[in-house]
């Protein structure tokens, strides 16, 4: 699972599409930094 964190929706969309096109099927996106730590405590992430 890849977690993308950026406050720009266009960046999140383009990078997640690029990752999925290159075999990373499980891509999560967050646009608010304060939501990151709670997510990381609940779900295993391979790279951020």
ModelCIF file with pLDDT and N, C-alpha, C, O atoms, coordinates in Angstrom:
data_MODEL
#
_entry.id   MODEL 
#
_entity.id                         1 
_entity.type                       polymer 
_entity.pdbx_number_of_molecules   1 
#
_entity_poly.entity_id                      1 
_entity_poly.type                           'polypeptide(L)' 
_entity_poly.nstd_linkage                   no 
_entity_poly.nstd_monomer                   no 
_entity_poly.pdbx_seq_one_letter_code       
;(UNK)(UNK)(UNK)(UNK)(UNK)(UNK)(UNK)(UNK)(UNK)(UNK)(UNK)(UNK)(UNK)(UNK)(UNK)(UNK)
(UNK)(UNK)(UNK)(UNK)(UNK)(UNK)(UNK)(UNK)(UNK)(UNK)(UNK)(UNK)(UNK)(UNK)(UNK)(UNK)
(UNK)(UNK)(UNK)(UNK)(UNK)(UNK)(UNK)(UNK)(UNK)(UNK)(UNK)(UNK)(UNK)(UNK)(UNK)(UNK)
;
_entity_poly.pdbx_seq_one_letter_code_can   XXXXXXXXXXXXXXXXXXXXXXXXXXXXXXXXXXXXXXXXXXXXXXXX 
_entity_poly.pdbx_strand_id                 A 
#
loop_
_entity_poly_seq.entity_id 
_entity_poly_seq.num 
_entity_poly_seq.mon_id 
_entity_poly_seq.hetero 
1 1  UNK n 
1 2  UNK n 
1 3  UNK n 
1 4  UNK n 
1 5  UNK n 
1 6  UNK n 
1 7  UNK n 
1 8  UNK n 
1 9  UNK n 
1 10 UNK n 
1 11 UNK n 
1 12 UNK n 
1 13 UNK n 
1 14 UNK n 
1 15 UNK n 
1 16 UNK n 
1 17 UNK n 
1 18 UNK n 
1 19 UNK n 
1 20 UNK n 
1 21 UNK n 
1 22 UNK n 
1 23 UNK n 
1 24 UNK n 
1 25 UNK n 
1 26 UNK n 
1 27 UNK n 
1 28 UNK n 
1 29 UNK n 
1 30 UNK n 
1 31 UNK n 
1 32 UNK n 
1 33 UNK n 
1 34 UNK n 
1 35 UNK n 
1 36 UNK n 
1 37 UNK n 
1 38 UNK n 
1 39 UNK n 
1 40 UNK n 
1 41 UNK n 
1 42 UNK n 
1 43 UNK n 
1 44 UNK n 
1 45 UNK n 
1 46 UNK n 
1 47 UNK n 
1 48 UNK n 
#
_struct_asym.id          A 
_struct_asym.entity_id   1 
#
loop_
_ma_qa_metric.id 
_ma_qa_metric.mode 
_ma_qa_metric.name 
_ma_qa_metric.software_group_id 
_ma_qa_metric.type 
1 global pLDDT . pLDDT 
2 local  pLDDT . pLDDT 
#
_ma_qa_metric_global.metric_id      1 
_ma_qa_metric_global.metric_value   93.65 
_ma_qa_metric_global.model_id       1 
_ma_qa_metric_global.ordinal_id     1 
#
loop_
_ma_qa_metric_local.label_asym_id 
_ma_qa_metric_local.label_comp_id 
_ma_qa_metric_local.label_seq_id 
_ma_qa_metric_local.metric_id 
_ma_qa_metric_local.metric_value 
_ma_qa_metric_local.model_id 
_ma_qa_metric_local.ordinal_id 
A UNK 1  2 94.00 1 1  
A UNK 2  2 96.00 1 2  
A UNK 3  2 97.00 1 3  
A UNK 4  2 97.00 1 4  
A UNK 5  2 97.00 1 5  
A UNK 6  2 95.00 1 6  
A UNK 7  2 93.00 1 7  
A UNK 8  2 92.00 1 8  
A UNK 9  2 93.00 1 9  
A UNK 10 2 92.00 1 10 
A UNK 11 2 90.00 1 11 
A UNK 12 2 94.00 1 12 
A UNK 13 2 94.00 1 13 
A UNK 14 2 91.00 1 14 
A UNK 15 2 91.00 1 15 
A UNK 16 2 93.00 1 16 
A UNK 17 2 93.00 1 17 
A UNK 18 2 90.00 1 18 
A UNK 19 2 91.00 1 19 
A UNK 20 2 92.00 1 20 
A UNK 21 2 93.00 1 21 
A UNK 22 2 90.00 1 22 
A UNK 23 2 90.00 1 23 
A UNK 24 2 89.00 1 24 
A UNK 25 2 87.00 1 25 
A UNK 26 2 94.00 1 26 
A UNK 27 2 96.00 1 27 
A UNK 28 2 97.00 1 28 
A UNK 29 2 97.00 1 29 
A UNK 30 2 96.00 1 30 
A UNK 31 2 95.00 1 31 
A UNK 32 2 94.00 1 32 
A UNK 33 2 93.00 1 33 
A UNK 34 2 93.00 1 34 
A UNK 35 2 95.00 1 35 
A UNK 36 2 96.00 1 36 
A UNK 37 2 95.00 1 37 
A UNK 38 2 96.00 1 38 
A UNK 39 2 96.00 1 39 
A UNK 40 2 95.00 1 40 
A UNK 41 2 93.00 1 41 
A UNK 42 2 93.00 1 42 
A UNK 43 2 92.00 1 43 
A UNK 44 2 92.00 1 44 
A UNK 45 2 95.00 1 45 
A UNK 46 2 95.00 1 46 
A UNK 47 2 96.00 1 47 
A UNK 48 2 97.00 1 48 
#
loop_
_atom_site.group_PDB 
_atom_site.id 
_atom_site.type_symbol 
_atom_site.label_atom_id 
_atom_site.label_alt_id 
_atom_site.label_comp_id 
_atom_site.label_asym_id 
_atom_site.label_entity_id 
_atom_site.label_seq_id 
_atom_site.pdbx_PDB_ins_code 
_atom_site.Cartn_x 
_atom_site.Cartn_y 
_atom_site.Cartn_z 
_atom_site.occupancy 
_atom_site.B_iso_or_equiv 
_atom_site.pdbx_formal_charge 
_atom_site.auth_seq_id 
_atom_site.auth_comp_id 
_atom_site.auth_asym_id 
_atom_site.auth_atom_id 
_atom_site.pdbx_PDB_model_num 
ATOM 1   N N  . UNK A 1 1  ? 0.843  -1.190 0.000   1.00 94.00 ? 1  UNK A N  1 
ATOM 2   C CA . UNK A 1 1  ? 0.000  0.000  0.000   1.00 94.00 ? 1  UNK A CA 1 
ATOM 3   C C  . UNK A 1 1  ? 0.879  1.241  0.000   1.00 94.00 ? 1  UNK A C  1 
ATOM 4   O O  . UNK A 1 1  ? 1.796  1.368  0.811   1.00 94.00 ? 1  UNK A O  1 
ATOM 5   N N  . UNK A 1 2  ? 0.589  2.144  -0.911  1.00 96.00 ? 2  UNK A N  1 
ATOM 6   C CA . UNK A 1 2  ? 1.302  3.411  -1.003  1.00 96.00 ? 2  UNK A CA 1 
ATOM 7   C C  . UNK A 1 2  ? 0.362  4.499  -0.499  1.00 96.00 ? 2  UNK A C  1 
ATOM 8   O O  . UNK A 1 2  ? -0.802 4.555  -0.896  1.00 96.00 ? 2  UNK A O  1 
ATOM 9   N N  . UNK A 1 3  ? 0.866  5.353  0.365   1.00 97.00 ? 3  UNK A N  1 
ATOM 10  C CA . UNK A 1 3  ? 0.100  6.492  0.861   1.00 97.00 ? 3  UNK A CA 1 
ATOM 11  C C  . UNK A 1 3  ? 0.687  7.767  0.276   1.00 97.00 ? 3  UNK A C  1 
ATOM 12  O O  . UNK A 1 3  ? 1.868  8.061  0.461   1.00 97.00 ? 3  UNK A O  1 
ATOM 13  N N  . UNK A 1 4  ? -0.153 8.528  -0.437  1.00 97.00 ? 4  UNK A N  1 
ATOM 14  C CA . UNK A 1 4  ? 0.237  9.825  -0.985  1.00 97.00 ? 4  UNK A CA 1 
ATOM 15  C C  . UNK A 1 4  ? -0.394 10.923 -0.142  1.00 97.00 ? 4  UNK A C  1 
ATOM 16  O O  . UNK A 1 4  ? -1.596 10.895 0.122   1.00 97.00 ? 4  UNK A O  1 
ATOM 17  N N  . UNK A 1 5  ? 0.409  11.884 0.276   1.00 97.00 ? 5  UNK A N  1 
ATOM 18  C CA . UNK A 1 5  ? -0.099 12.991 1.090   1.00 97.00 ? 5  UNK A CA 1 
ATOM 19  C C  . UNK A 1 5  ? 0.321  14.307 0.438   1.00 97.00 ? 5  UNK A C  1 
ATOM 20  O O  . UNK A 1 5  ? 1.505  14.633 0.354   1.00 97.00 ? 5  UNK A O  1 
ATOM 21  N N  . UNK A 1 6  ? -0.685 15.051 -0.019  1.00 95.00 ? 6  UNK A N  1 
ATOM 22  C CA . UNK A 1 6  ? -0.445 16.341 -0.671  1.00 95.00 ? 6  UNK A CA 1 
ATOM 23  C C  . UNK A 1 6  ? -1.742 17.135 -0.590  1.00 95.00 ? 6  UNK A C  1 
ATOM 24  O O  . UNK A 1 6  ? -2.824 16.555 -0.675  1.00 95.00 ? 6  UNK A O  1 
ATOM 25  N N  . UNK A 1 7  ? -1.653 18.432 -0.428  1.00 93.00 ? 7  UNK A N  1 
ATOM 26  C CA . UNK A 1 7  ? -2.867 19.245 -0.337  1.00 93.00 ? 7  UNK A CA 1 
ATOM 27  C C  . UNK A 1 7  ? -3.398 19.663 -1.710  1.00 93.00 ? 7  UNK A C  1 
ATOM 28  O O  . UNK A 1 7  ? -4.400 20.373 -1.790  1.00 93.00 ? 7  UNK A O  1 
ATOM 29  N N  . UNK A 1 8  ? -2.742 19.235 -2.787  1.00 92.00 ? 8  UNK A N  1 
ATOM 30  C CA . UNK A 1 8  ? -3.179 19.568 -4.139  1.00 92.00 ? 8  UNK A CA 1 
ATOM 31  C C  . UNK A 1 8  ? -3.854 18.343 -4.776  1.00 92.00 ? 8  UNK A C  1 
ATOM 32  O O  . UNK A 1 8  ? -3.181 17.360 -5.084  1.00 92.00 ? 8  UNK A O  1 
ATOM 33  N N  . UNK A 1 9  ? -5.188 18.399 -4.975  1.00 93.00 ? 9  UNK A N  1 
ATOM 34  C CA . UNK A 1 9  ? -5.909 17.255 -5.546  1.00 93.00 ? 9  UNK A CA 1 
ATOM 35  C C  . UNK A 1 9  ? -5.375 16.804 -6.910  1.00 93.00 ? 9  UNK A C  1 
ATOM 36  O O  . UNK A 1 9  ? -5.375 15.608 -7.200  1.00 93.00 ? 9  UNK A O  1 
ATOM 37  N N  . UNK A 1 10 ? -4.927 17.728 -7.740  1.00 92.00 ? 10 UNK A N  1 
ATOM 38  C CA . UNK A 1 10 ? -4.407 17.345 -9.063  1.00 92.00 ? 10 UNK A CA 1 
ATOM 39  C C  . UNK A 1 10 ? -3.128 16.515 -8.930  1.00 92.00 ? 10 UNK A C  1 
ATOM 40  O O  . UNK A 1 10 ? -2.912 15.569 -9.688  1.00 92.00 ? 10 UNK A O  1 
ATOM 41  N N  . UNK A 1 11 ? -2.297 16.870 -7.978  1.00 90.00 ? 11 UNK A N  1 
ATOM 42  C CA . UNK A 1 11 ? -1.066 16.110 -7.744  1.00 90.00 ? 11 UNK A CA 1 
ATOM 43  C C  . UNK A 1 11 ? -1.414 14.709 -7.259  1.00 90.00 ? 11 UNK A C  1 
ATOM 44  O O  . UNK A 1 11 ? -0.855 13.724 -7.741  1.00 90.00 ? 11 UNK A O  1 
ATOM 45  N N  . UNK A 1 12 ? -2.340 14.618 -6.301  1.00 94.00 ? 12 UNK A N  1 
ATOM 46  C CA . UNK A 1 12 ? -2.755 13.312 -5.790  1.00 94.00 ? 12 UNK A CA 1 
ATOM 47  C C  . UNK A 1 12 ? -3.291 12.433 -6.909  1.00 94.00 ? 12 UNK A C  1 
ATOM 48  O O  . UNK A 1 12 ? -2.954 11.252 -6.994  1.00 94.00 ? 12 UNK A O  1 
ATOM 49  N N  . UNK A 1 13 ? -4.120 13.006 -7.759  1.00 94.00 ? 13 UNK A N  1 
ATOM 50  C CA . UNK A 1 13 ? -4.722 12.235 -8.848  1.00 94.00 ? 13 UNK A CA 1 
ATOM 51  C C  . UNK A 1 13 ? -3.670 11.771 -9.847  1.00 94.00 ? 13 UNK A C  1 
ATOM 52  O O  . UNK A 1 13 ? -3.654 10.602 -10.231 1.00 94.00 ? 13 UNK A O  1 
ATOM 53  N N  . UNK A 1 14 ? -2.795 12.673 -10.271 1.00 91.00 ? 14 UNK A N  1 
ATOM 54  C CA . UNK A 1 14 ? -1.815 12.305 -11.300 1.00 91.00 ? 14 UNK A CA 1 
ATOM 55  C C  . UNK A 1 14 ? -0.807 11.276 -10.780 1.00 91.00 ? 14 UNK A C  1 
ATOM 56  O O  . UNK A 1 14 ? -0.464 10.336 -11.497 1.00 91.00 ? 14 UNK A O  1 
ATOM 57  N N  . UNK A 1 15 ? -0.339 11.441 -9.561  1.00 91.00 ? 15 UNK A N  1 
ATOM 58  C CA . UNK A 1 15 ? 0.644  10.483 -9.036  1.00 91.00 ? 15 UNK A CA 1 
ATOM 59  C C  . UNK A 1 15 ? -0.016 9.134  -8.758  1.00 91.00 ? 15 UNK A C  1 
ATOM 60  O O  . UNK A 1 15 ? 0.588  8.092  -9.017  1.00 91.00 ? 15 UNK A O  1 
ATOM 61  N N  . UNK A 1 16 ? -1.231 9.133  -8.242  1.00 93.00 ? 16 UNK A N  1 
ATOM 62  C CA . UNK A 1 16 ? -1.901 7.858  -7.995  1.00 93.00 ? 16 UNK A CA 1 
ATOM 63  C C  . UNK A 1 16 ? -2.160 7.128  -9.314  1.00 93.00 ? 16 UNK A C  1 
ATOM 64  O O  . UNK A 1 16 ? -2.031 5.905  -9.372  1.00 93.00 ? 16 UNK A O  1 
ATOM 65  N N  . UNK A 1 17 ? -2.519 7.852  -10.366 1.00 93.00 ? 17 UNK A N  1 
ATOM 66  C CA . UNK A 1 17 ? -2.712 7.226  -11.681 1.00 93.00 ? 17 UNK A CA 1 
ATOM 67  C C  . UNK A 1 17 ? -1.392 6.660  -12.217 1.00 93.00 ? 17 UNK A C  1 
ATOM 68  O O  . UNK A 1 17 ? -1.361 5.567  -12.783 1.00 93.00 ? 17 UNK A O  1 
ATOM 69  N N  . UNK A 1 18 ? -0.319 7.406  -12.035 1.00 90.00 ? 18 UNK A N  1 
ATOM 70  C CA . UNK A 1 18 ? 0.998  6.956  -12.475 1.00 90.00 ? 18 UNK A CA 1 
ATOM 71  C C  . UNK A 1 18 ? 1.416  5.686  -11.727 1.00 90.00 ? 18 UNK A C  1 
ATOM 72  O O  . UNK A 1 18 ? 1.922  4.742  -12.334 1.00 90.00 ? 18 UNK A O  1 
ATOM 73  N N  . UNK A 1 19 ? 1.206  5.668  -10.433 1.00 91.00 ? 19 UNK A N  1 
ATOM 74  C CA . UNK A 1 19 ? 1.558  4.484  -9.638  1.00 91.00 ? 19 UNK A CA 1 
ATOM 75  C C  . UNK A 1 19 ? 0.723  3.273  -10.041 1.00 91.00 ? 19 UNK A C  1 
ATOM 76  O O  . UNK A 1 19 ? 1.254  2.175  -10.208 1.00 91.00 ? 19 UNK A O  1 
ATOM 77  N N  . UNK A 1 20 ? -0.583 3.476  -10.196 1.00 92.00 ? 20 UNK A N  1 
ATOM 78  C CA . UNK A 1 20 ? -1.460 2.365  -10.593 1.00 92.00 ? 20 UNK A CA 1 
ATOM 79  C C  . UNK A 1 20 ? -1.075 1.825  -11.974 1.00 92.00 ? 20 UNK A C  1 
ATOM 80  O O  . UNK A 1 20 ? -1.116 0.617  -12.204 1.00 92.00 ? 20 UNK A O  1 
ATOM 81  N N  . UNK A 1 21 ? -0.707 2.711  -12.877 1.00 93.00 ? 21 UNK A N  1 
ATOM 82  C CA . UNK A 1 21 ? -0.293 2.292  -14.219 1.00 93.00 ? 21 UNK A CA 1 
ATOM 83  C C  . UNK A 1 21 ? 1.008  1.491  -14.187 1.00 93.00 ? 21 UNK A C  1 
ATOM 84  O O  . UNK A 1 21 ? 1.332  0.776  -15.135 1.00 93.00 ? 21 UNK A O  1 
ATOM 85  N N  . UNK A 1 22 ? 1.748  1.619  -13.086 1.00 90.00 ? 22 UNK A N  1 
ATOM 86  C CA . UNK A 1 22 ? 3.020  0.911  -12.945 1.00 90.00 ? 22 UNK A CA 1 
ATOM 87  C C  . UNK A 1 22 ? 2.950  -0.225 -11.925 1.00 90.00 ? 22 UNK A C  1 
ATOM 88  O O  . UNK A 1 22 ? 3.970  -0.640 -11.375 1.00 90.00 ? 22 UNK A O  1 
ATOM 89  N N  . UNK A 1 23 ? 1.735  -0.725 -11.678 1.00 90.00 ? 23 UNK A N  1 
ATOM 90  C CA . UNK A 1 23 ? 1.582  -1.928 -10.879 1.00 90.00 ? 23 UNK A CA 1 
ATOM 91  C C  . UNK A 1 23 ? 1.283  -1.758 -9.409  1.00 90.00 ? 23 UNK A C  1 
ATOM 92  O O  . UNK A 1 23 ? 1.160  -2.751 -8.693  1.00 90.00 ? 23 UNK A O  1 
ATOM 93  N N  . UNK A 1 24 ? 1.161  -0.543 -8.940  1.00 89.00 ? 24 UNK A N  1 
ATOM 94  C CA . UNK A 1 24 ? 0.807  -0.315 -7.532  1.00 89.00 ? 24 UNK A CA 1 
ATOM 95  C C  . UNK A 1 24 ? -0.708 -0.159 -7.449  1.00 89.00 ? 24 UNK A C  1 
ATOM 96  O O  . UNK A 1 24 ? -1.245 0.929  -7.656  1.00 89.00 ? 24 UNK A O  1 
ATOM 97  N N  . UNK A 1 25 ? -1.386 -1.262 -7.143  1.00 87.00 ? 25 UNK A N  1 
ATOM 98  C CA . UNK A 1 25 ? -2.848 -1.268 -7.163  1.00 87.00 ? 25 UNK A CA 1 
ATOM 99  C C  . UNK A 1 25 ? -3.478 -0.607 -5.945  1.00 87.00 ? 25 UNK A C  1 
ATOM 100 O O  . UNK A 1 25 ? -4.584 -0.072 -6.031  1.00 87.00 ? 25 UNK A O  1 
ATOM 101 N N  . UNK A 1 26 ? -2.795 -0.639 -4.828  1.00 94.00 ? 26 UNK A N  1 
ATOM 102 C CA . UNK A 1 26 ? -3.368 -0.122 -3.586  1.00 94.00 ? 26 UNK A CA 1 
ATOM 103 C C  . UNK A 1 26 ? -2.716 1.218  -3.246  1.00 94.00 ? 26 UNK A C  1 
ATOM 104 O O  . UNK A 1 26 ? -1.682 1.268  -2.579  1.00 94.00 ? 26 UNK A O  1 
ATOM 105 N N  . UNK A 1 27 ? -3.334 2.297  -3.714  1.00 96.00 ? 27 UNK A N  1 
ATOM 106 C CA . UNK A 1 27 ? -2.823 3.647  -3.479  1.00 96.00 ? 27 UNK A CA 1 
ATOM 107 C C  . UNK A 1 27 ? -3.876 4.426  -2.704  1.00 96.00 ? 27 UNK A C  1 
ATOM 108 O O  . UNK A 1 27 ? -5.010 4.578  -3.159  1.00 96.00 ? 27 UNK A O  1 
ATOM 109 N N  . UNK A 1 28 ? -3.495 4.914  -1.538  1.00 97.00 ? 28 UNK A N  1 
ATOM 110 C CA . UNK A 1 28 ? -4.367 5.755  -0.726  1.00 97.00 ? 28 UNK A CA 1 
ATOM 111 C C  . UNK A 1 28 ? -3.900 7.195  -0.846  1.00 97.00 ? 28 UNK A C  1 
ATOM 112 O O  . UNK A 1 28 ? -2.704 7.454  -0.980  1.00 97.00 ? 28 UNK A O  1 
ATOM 113 N N  . UNK A 1 29 ? -4.840 8.136  -0.797  1.00 97.00 ? 29 UNK A N  1 
ATOM 114 C CA . UNK A 1 29 ? -4.478 9.547  -0.852  1.00 97.00 ? 29 UNK A CA 1 
ATOM 115 C C  . UNK A 1 29 ? -5.110 10.293 0.314   1.00 97.00 ? 29 UNK A C  1 
ATOM 116 O O  . UNK A 1 29 ? -6.239 10.017 0.719   1.00 97.00 ? 29 UNK A O  1 
ATOM 117 N N  . UNK A 1 30 ? -4.358 11.231 0.832   1.00 96.00 ? 30 UNK A N  1 
ATOM 118 C CA . UNK A 1 30 ? -4.856 12.131 1.875   1.00 96.00 ? 30 UNK A CA 1 
ATOM 119 C C  . UNK A 1 30 ? -4.452 13.550 1.503   1.00 96.00 ? 30 UNK A C  1 
ATOM 120 O O  . UNK A 1 30 ? -3.332 13.791 1.054   1.00 96.00 ? 30 UNK A O  1 
ATOM 121 N N  . UNK A 1 31 ? -5.387 14.495 1.696   1.00 95.00 ? 31 UNK A N  1 
ATOM 122 C CA . UNK A 1 31 ? -5.067 15.895 1.402   1.00 95.00 ? 31 UNK A CA 1 
ATOM 123 C C  . UNK A 1 31 ? -4.945 16.743 2.656   1.00 95.00 ? 31 UNK A C  1 
ATOM 124 O O  . UNK A 1 31 ? -4.815 17.964 2.573   1.00 95.00 ? 31 UNK A O  1 
ATOM 125 N N  . UNK A 1 32 ? -4.987 16.098 3.822   1.00 94.00 ? 32 UNK A N  1 
ATOM 126 C CA . UNK A 1 32 ? -4.840 16.813 5.098   1.00 94.00 ? 32 UNK A CA 1 
ATOM 127 C C  . UNK A 1 32 ? -3.796 16.110 5.950   1.00 94.00 ? 32 UNK A C  1 
ATOM 128 O O  . UNK A 1 32 ? -3.921 14.923 6.251   1.00 94.00 ? 32 UNK A O  1 
ATOM 129 N N  . UNK A 1 33 ? -2.779 16.846 6.329   1.00 93.00 ? 33 UNK A N  1 
ATOM 130 C CA . UNK A 1 33 ? -1.671 16.247 7.072   1.00 93.00 ? 33 UNK A CA 1 
ATOM 131 C C  . UNK A 1 33 ? -2.085 15.726 8.446   1.00 93.00 ? 33 UNK A C  1 
ATOM 132 O O  . UNK A 1 33 ? -1.481 14.780 8.952   1.00 93.00 ? 33 UNK A O  1 
ATOM 133 N N  . UNK A 1 34 ? -3.103 16.327 9.056   1.00 93.00 ? 34 UNK A N  1 
ATOM 134 C CA . UNK A 1 34 ? -3.500 15.877 10.391  1.00 93.00 ? 34 UNK A CA 1 
ATOM 135 C C  . UNK A 1 34 ? -4.222 14.524 10.374  1.00 93.00 ? 34 UNK A C  1 
ATOM 136 O O  . UNK A 1 34 ? -4.473 13.950 11.434  1.00 93.00 ? 34 UNK A O  1 
ATOM 137 N N  . UNK A 1 35 ? -4.554 14.015 9.203   1.00 95.00 ? 35 UNK A N  1 
ATOM 138 C CA . UNK A 1 35 ? -5.204 12.706 9.094   1.00 95.00 ? 35 UNK A CA 1 
ATOM 139 C C  . UNK A 1 35 ? -4.190 11.572 8.921   1.00 95.00 ? 35 UNK A C  1 
ATOM 140 O O  . UNK A 1 35 ? -4.565 10.400 8.966   1.00 95.00 ? 35 UNK A O  1 
ATOM 141 N N  . UNK A 1 36 ? -2.930 11.900 8.728   1.00 96.00 ? 36 UNK A N  1 
ATOM 142 C CA . UNK A 1 36 ? -1.922 10.891 8.406   1.00 96.00 ? 36 UNK A CA 1 
ATOM 143 C C  . UNK A 1 36 ? -1.622 9.970  9.586   1.00 96.00 ? 36 UNK A C  1 
ATOM 144 O O  . UNK A 1 36 ? -1.723 8.750  9.449   1.00 96.00 ? 36 UNK A O  1 
ATOM 145 N N  . UNK A 1 37 ? -1.262 10.518 10.726  1.00 95.00 ? 37 UNK A N  1 
ATOM 146 C CA . UNK A 1 37 ? -0.876 9.668  11.864  1.00 95.00 ? 37 UNK A CA 1 
ATOM 147 C C  . UNK A 1 37 ? -1.993 8.726  12.299  1.00 95.00 ? 37 UNK A C  1 
ATOM 148 O O  . UNK A 1 37 ? -1.715 7.554  12.553  1.00 95.00 ? 37 UNK A O  1 
ATOM 149 N N  . UNK A 1 38 ? -3.253 9.182  12.398  1.00 96.00 ? 38 UNK A N  1 
ATOM 150 C CA . UNK A 1 38 ? -4.313 8.224  12.734  1.00 96.00 ? 38 UNK A CA 1 
ATOM 151 C C  . UNK A 1 38 ? -4.419 7.083  11.717  1.00 96.00 ? 38 UNK A C  1 
ATOM 152 O O  . UNK A 1 38 ? -4.640 5.934  12.100  1.00 96.00 ? 38 UNK A O  1 
ATOM 153 N N  . UNK A 1 39 ? -4.266 7.389  10.440  1.00 96.00 ? 39 UNK A N  1 
ATOM 154 C CA . UNK A 1 39 ? -4.321 6.343  9.424   1.00 96.00 ? 39 UNK A CA 1 
ATOM 155 C C  . UNK A 1 39 ? -3.155 5.370  9.585   1.00 96.00 ? 39 UNK A C  1 
ATOM 156 O O  . UNK A 1 39 ? -3.347 4.156  9.516   1.00 96.00 ? 39 UNK A O  1 
ATOM 157 N N  . UNK A 1 40 ? -1.955 5.893  9.797   1.00 95.00 ? 40 UNK A N  1 
ATOM 158 C CA . UNK A 1 40 ? -0.779 5.042  9.948   1.00 95.00 ? 40 UNK A CA 1 
ATOM 159 C C  . UNK A 1 40 ? -0.889 4.124  11.164  1.00 95.00 ? 40 UNK A C  1 
ATOM 160 O O  . UNK A 1 40 ? -0.335 3.025  11.161  1.00 95.00 ? 40 UNK A O  1 
ATOM 161 N N  . UNK A 1 41 ? -1.588 4.559  12.187  1.00 93.00 ? 41 UNK A N  1 
ATOM 162 C CA . UNK A 1 41 ? -1.773 3.734  13.387  1.00 93.00 ? 41 UNK A CA 1 
ATOM 163 C C  . UNK A 1 41 ? -2.770 2.605  13.153  1.00 93.00 ? 41 UNK A C  1 
ATOM 164 O O  . UNK A 1 41 ? -2.764 1.606  13.873  1.00 93.00 ? 41 UNK A O  1 
ATOM 165 N N  . UNK A 1 42 ? -3.627 2.764  12.144  1.00 93.00 ? 42 UNK A N  1 
ATOM 166 C CA . UNK A 1 42 ? -4.692 1.794  11.877  1.00 93.00 ? 42 UNK A CA 1 
ATOM 167 C C  . UNK A 1 42 ? -4.397 0.854  10.716  1.00 93.00 ? 42 UNK A C  1 
ATOM 168 O O  . UNK A 1 42 ? -4.912 -0.264 10.679  1.00 93.00 ? 42 UNK A O  1 
ATOM 169 N N  . UNK A 1 43 ? -3.580 1.290  9.776   1.00 92.00 ? 43 UNK A N  1 
ATOM 170 C CA . UNK A 1 43 ? -3.410 0.522  8.543   1.00 92.00 ? 43 UNK A CA 1 
ATOM 171 C C  . UNK A 1 43 ? -1.938 0.412  8.166   1.00 92.00 ? 43 UNK A C  1 
ATOM 172 O O  . UNK A 1 43 ? -1.204 1.398  8.217   1.00 92.00 ? 43 UNK A O  1 
ATOM 173 N N  . UNK A 1 44 ? -1.509 -0.791 7.788   1.00 92.00 ? 44 UNK A N  1 
ATOM 174 C CA . UNK A 1 44 ? -0.116 -0.941 7.348   1.00 92.00 ? 44 UNK A CA 1 
ATOM 175 C C  . UNK A 1 44 ? 0.110  -0.254 5.995   1.00 92.00 ? 44 UNK A C  1 
ATOM 176 O O  . UNK A 1 44 ? -0.681 -0.405 5.065   1.00 92.00 ? 44 UNK A O  1 
ATOM 177 N N  . UNK A 1 45 ? 1.181  0.485  5.913   1.00 95.00 ? 45 UNK A N  1 
ATOM 178 C CA . UNK A 1 45 ? 1.565  1.199  4.700   1.00 95.00 ? 45 UNK A CA 1 
ATOM 179 C C  . UNK A 1 45 ? 2.981  0.757  4.341   1.00 95.00 ? 45 UNK A C  1 
ATOM 180 O O  . UNK A 1 45 ? 3.852  0.680  5.208   1.00 95.00 ? 45 UNK A O  1 
ATOM 181 N N  . UNK A 1 46 ? 3.204  0.467  3.064   1.00 95.00 ? 46 UNK A N  1 
ATOM 182 C CA . UNK A 1 46 ? 4.524  0.023  2.619   1.00 95.00 ? 46 UNK A CA 1 
ATOM 183 C C  . UNK A 1 46 ? 5.473  1.199  2.397   1.00 95.00 ? 46 UNK A C  1 
ATOM 184 O O  . UNK A 1 46 ? 6.659  1.124  2.718   1.00 95.00 ? 46 UNK A O  1 
ATOM 185 N N  . UNK A 1 47 ? 4.933  2.286  1.844   1.00 96.00 ? 47 UNK A N  1 
ATOM 186 C CA . UNK A 1 47 ? 5.739  3.474  1.562   1.00 96.00 ? 47 UNK A CA 1 
ATOM 187 C C  . UNK A 1 47 ? 4.811  4.687  1.524   1.00 96.00 ? 47 UNK A C  1 
ATOM 188 O O  . UNK A 1 47 ? 3.638  4.585  1.164   1.00 96.00 ? 47 UNK A O  1 
ATOM 189 N N  . UNK A 1 48 ? 5.363  5.823  1.901   1.00 97.00 ? 48 UNK A N  1 
ATOM 190 C CA . UNK A 1 48 ? 4.584  7.060  1.925   1.00 97.00 ? 48 UNK A CA 1 
ATOM 191 C C  . UNK A 1 48 ? 5.296  8.114  1.089   1.00 97.00 ? 48 UNK A C  1 
ATOM 192 O O  . UNK A 1 48 ? 4.811  9.239  0.971   1.00 97.00 ? 48 UNK A O  1 
#
